[in-house]
Protein backbone atom coordinates (compact mmCIF):
# COMPACT_ATOMS: atom_id res chain seq x y z
CA UNK A 1 -2.57 10.69 -7.31
CA UNK A 2 -2.84 12.05 -3.81
CA UNK A 3 -4.82 8.96 -2.86
CA UNK A 4 -1.89 7.60 -0.83
CA UNK A 5 -1.98 10.71 1.36
CA UNK A 6 -5.72 10.13 1.83
CA UNK A 7 -5.03 6.68 3.24
CA UNK A 8 -5.78 4.67 0.11
CA UNK A 9 -3.53 1.67 -0.43
CA UNK A 10 -3.05 -0.16 -3.71
CA UNK A 11 -3.14 -3.89 -4.24
CA UNK A 12 -3.16 -6.06 -7.36
CA UNK A 13 -6.43 -7.87 -8.08
CA UNK A 14 -6.22 -10.03 -11.22
CA UNK A 15 -5.43 -9.70 -14.92
CA UNK A 16 -8.98 -8.76 -15.95
CA UNK A 17 -9.27 -5.08 -16.85
CA UNK A 18 -12.70 -4.83 -15.25
CA UNK A 19 -11.48 -6.18 -11.91
CA UNK A 20 -11.23 -2.80 -10.16
CA UNK A 21 -12.59 -2.70 -6.62
CA UNK A 22 -12.47 -0.32 -3.67
CA UNK A 23 -13.10 -1.06 0.00
CA UNK A 24 -13.21 1.61 2.67
CA UNK A 25 -12.04 0.65 6.15
CA UNK A 26 -11.84 2.61 9.39
CA UNK A 27 -8.50 4.36 8.82
CA UNK A 28 -7.69 3.50 5.22
CA UNK A 29 -9.11 2.42 1.91
CA UNK A 30 -7.91 -0.30 -0.42
CA UNK A 31 -8.01 0.06 -4.20
CA UNK A 32 -7.52 -3.21 -6.05
CA UNK A 33 -6.35 -2.82 -9.63
CA UNK A 34 -5.68 -5.42 -12.33
CA UNK A 35 -2.08 -6.25 -13.07
CA UNK A 36 -0.88 -5.02 -16.43
CA UNK A 37 2.31 -5.59 -18.41
CA UNK A 38 2.98 -2.40 -20.34
CA UNK A 39 5.09 -2.74 -23.47
CA UNK A 40 6.02 -0.30 -26.21
CA UNK A 41 2.98 -1.31 -28.28
CA UNK A 42 0.53 -1.06 -25.32
CA UNK A 43 -0.73 2.33 -26.52
CA UNK A 44 -1.43 1.03 -30.03
CA UNK A 45 -3.23 -2.07 -28.79
CA UNK A 46 -5.41 -0.03 -26.42
CA UNK A 47 -6.12 2.59 -29.08
CA UNK A 48 -7.22 -0.12 -31.52
CA UNK A 49 -9.47 -1.72 -28.89
CA UNK A 50 -10.97 1.68 -28.04
CA UNK A 51 -11.65 2.31 -31.75
CA UNK A 52 -13.29 -1.14 -31.98
CA UNK A 53 -15.47 -0.39 -28.94
CA UNK A 54 -16.71 2.78 -30.66
CA UNK A 55 -17.42 1.01 -33.97
CA UNK A 56 -21.04 1.32 -35.15
CA UNK A 57 -23.11 -1.83 -34.86
CA UNK A 58 -20.83 -3.33 -32.22
CA UNK A 59 -22.18 -3.82 -28.70
CA UNK A 60 -19.49 -3.62 -26.01
CA UNK A 61 -19.32 -2.62 -22.39
CA UNK A 62 -16.45 -0.22 -23.18
CA UNK A 63 -14.16 -2.21 -20.88
CA UNK A 64 -10.84 -1.09 -22.37
CA UNK A 65 -11.99 2.51 -22.74
CA UNK A 66 -13.22 2.56 -19.14
CA UNK A 67 -9.96 1.02 -17.89
CA UNK A 68 -7.80 3.53 -19.74
CA UNK A 69 -10.02 6.38 -18.58
CA UNK A 70 -9.82 5.21 -14.95
CA UNK A 71 -6.04 4.81 -15.08
CA UNK A 72 -5.69 8.25 -16.67
CA UNK A 73 -7.47 9.69 -13.64
CA UNK A 74 -5.00 7.92 -11.31
CA UNK A 75 -1.76 8.52 -13.17
CA UNK A 76 -0.69 12.15 -13.06
CA UNK A 77 3.10 11.90 -12.61
CA UNK A 78 6.00 9.43 -12.82
CA UNK A 79 5.75 9.00 -9.04
CA UNK A 80 2.26 7.54 -9.52
CA UNK A 81 3.62 4.96 -11.96
CA UNK A 82 6.45 4.21 -9.54
CA UNK A 83 3.90 3.53 -6.77
CA UNK A 84 1.91 1.18 -9.03
CA UNK A 85 5.09 -0.64 -10.06
CA UNK A 86 6.16 -1.08 -6.44
CA UNK A 87 2.79 -2.64 -5.62
CA UNK A 88 3.06 -5.09 -8.53
CA UNK A 89 0.22 -3.57 -10.53
CA UNK A 90 2.40 -2.44 -13.45
CA UNK A 91 5.32 -4.34 -14.90
CA UNK A 92 7.24 -2.65 -17.66
CA UNK A 93 10.67 -2.03 -19.09
CA UNK A 94 9.66 1.52 -20.00
CA UNK A 95 10.49 4.47 -17.79
CA UNK A 96 7.84 5.89 -15.47
CA UNK A 97 7.76 9.07 -17.54
CA UNK A 98 7.12 7.09 -20.74
CA UNK A 99 4.19 5.28 -19.13
CA UNK A 100 2.66 8.59 -18.01
CA UNK A 101 3.07 10.00 -21.51
CA UNK A 102 1.54 6.86 -23.03
CA UNK A 103 -1.63 7.17 -20.93
CA UNK A 104 -1.85 10.92 -21.57
CA UNK A 105 -1.76 10.35 -25.33
CA UNK A 106 -4.57 7.78 -25.36
CA UNK A 107 -7.93 9.28 -26.31
CA UNK A 108 -11.09 7.94 -24.68
CA UNK A 109 -13.38 10.17 -26.78
CA UNK A 110 -15.27 11.72 -23.89
CA UNK A 111 -16.43 8.48 -22.30
CA UNK A 112 -15.86 10.03 -18.86
CA UNK A 113 -19.61 10.47 -18.49
CA UNK A 114 -20.45 6.80 -19.25
CA UNK A 115 -17.86 5.10 -17.13
CA UNK A 116 -18.02 1.43 -16.11
CA UNK A 117 -16.12 2.29 -12.93
CA UNK A 118 -18.43 5.08 -11.84
CA UNK A 119 -19.43 3.17 -8.68
CA UNK A 120 -15.76 2.65 -7.74
CA UNK A 121 -15.06 6.36 -8.26
CA UNK A 122 -18.07 7.27 -6.11
CA UNK A 123 -16.86 4.99 -3.29
CA UNK A 124 -13.40 6.57 -3.46
CA UNK A 125 -14.94 10.06 -3.36
CA UNK A 126 -17.11 9.05 -0.39
CA UNK A 127 -14.03 7.76 1.44
CA UNK A 128 -12.06 10.92 0.64
CA UNK A 129 -14.95 13.17 1.73
CA UNK A 130 -15.03 11.57 5.19
CA UNK A 131 -13.07 14.19 7.14
CA UNK A 132 -12.20 11.91 10.07
CA UNK A 133 -10.72 9.19 7.85
CA UNK A 134 -8.75 11.52 5.62
CA UNK A 135 -7.56 13.70 8.49
CA UNK A 136 -6.19 10.69 10.37
CA UNK A 137 -4.65 9.23 7.20
CA UNK A 138 -3.00 12.55 6.31
CA UNK A 139 -1.71 12.90 9.87
CA UNK A 140 -0.18 9.42 9.77
CA UNK A 141 1.18 9.93 6.25
CA UNK A 142 2.65 13.37 6.97
CA UNK A 143 4.12 12.88 10.41
CA UNK A 144 4.71 9.16 10.69
CA UNK A 145 5.21 8.15 7.05
CA UNK A 146 8.79 9.44 7.00
CA UNK A 147 9.31 8.36 10.61
CA UNK A 148 8.45 4.73 9.93
CA UNK A 149 12.08 3.54 9.84
CA UNK A 150 12.89 5.68 12.89
CA UNK A 151 9.96 4.26 14.86
CA UNK A 152 11.01 0.73 13.90
CA UNK A 153 14.56 1.45 15.04
CA UNK A 154 13.27 2.83 18.36
CA UNK A 155 11.09 -0.25 18.88
CA UNK A 156 13.99 -2.59 18.19
CA UNK A 157 16.24 -0.57 20.51
CA UNK A 158 13.65 -0.70 23.27
CA UNK A 159 13.25 -4.43 22.77
CA UNK A 160 16.99 -5.08 22.94
CA UNK A 161 17.41 -2.90 26.06
CA UNK A 162 14.51 -4.63 27.81
CA UNK A 163 15.88 -8.08 26.91
CA UNK A 164 19.33 -7.09 28.17
CA UNK A 165 17.80 -5.77 31.41
CA UNK A 166 15.81 -8.97 31.89
CA UNK A 167 18.84 -11.18 31.27
CA UNK A 168 20.94 -9.12 33.69
CA UNK A 169 18.23 -9.29 36.35
CA UNK A 170 17.96 -13.06 36.03
CA UNK A 171 21.74 -13.43 36.23
CA UNK A 172 21.92 -11.31 39.40
CA UNK A 173 19.04 -13.29 40.97
CA UNK A 174 20.89 -16.56 40.29
CA UNK A 175 24.06 -15.24 41.91
CA UNK A 176 22.09 -14.03 44.94
CA UNK A 177 20.39 -17.40 45.25
CA UNK A 178 23.75 -19.23 45.16
CA UNK A 179 25.24 -16.88 47.72
CA UNK A 180 22.25 -17.41 50.03
CA UNK A 181 22.51 -21.17 49.62
CA UNK A 182 26.23 -21.09 50.40
CA UNK A 183 25.64 -18.91 53.49
CA UNK A 184 22.89 -21.23 54.69
CA UNK A 185 25.14 -24.28 54.26
CA UNK A 186 27.93 -22.55 56.13
CA UNK A 187 25.64 -21.72 59.05
CA UNK A 188 24.31 -25.29 59.13
CA UNK A 189 27.86 -26.69 59.33
CA UNK A 190 28.76 -24.46 62.28
CA UNK A 191 25.72 -25.39 64.42
CA UNK A 192 26.36 -27.85 67.27
CA UNK A 193 24.59 -31.17 67.16
């Protein structure tokens, strides 16, 4: 999932599997995914629902199959699962590697061509094909992503130095004012009436 490097941020949407949305903004995109609690029997439940959706005589919108298919396209490594966990999209007691393996083992029976999230995928592709957006996002991700804590530290240092300078300046001005007042009073006392 190199979407993060392309400036796409993840955010939880709801608990409904079909609640997947994508919005493209000037410098980044936002992919909203449903929250999902993944347990050891998640694979079996999804596989049974997928089999039900493919049953003859049953009309479905292939919601579970489409969700699994979409998530399989996003999840390529344990780092991808880690990212989704950090954003609150996945909650699980399983390891990241186990979650990746679970999604890899689920069969969607070639439904890639009839996908309920085709419009979302097209919007993501359109965002990623915009050279200006992706170039700027990659630049920020590559050069400033790791420097984020350093930049924050520099900002805080600059703020503390400027506050110290301002406080010192005000203190010196007060002392100068008092000295001037004292000198003025002394000169007034020495003048003849």
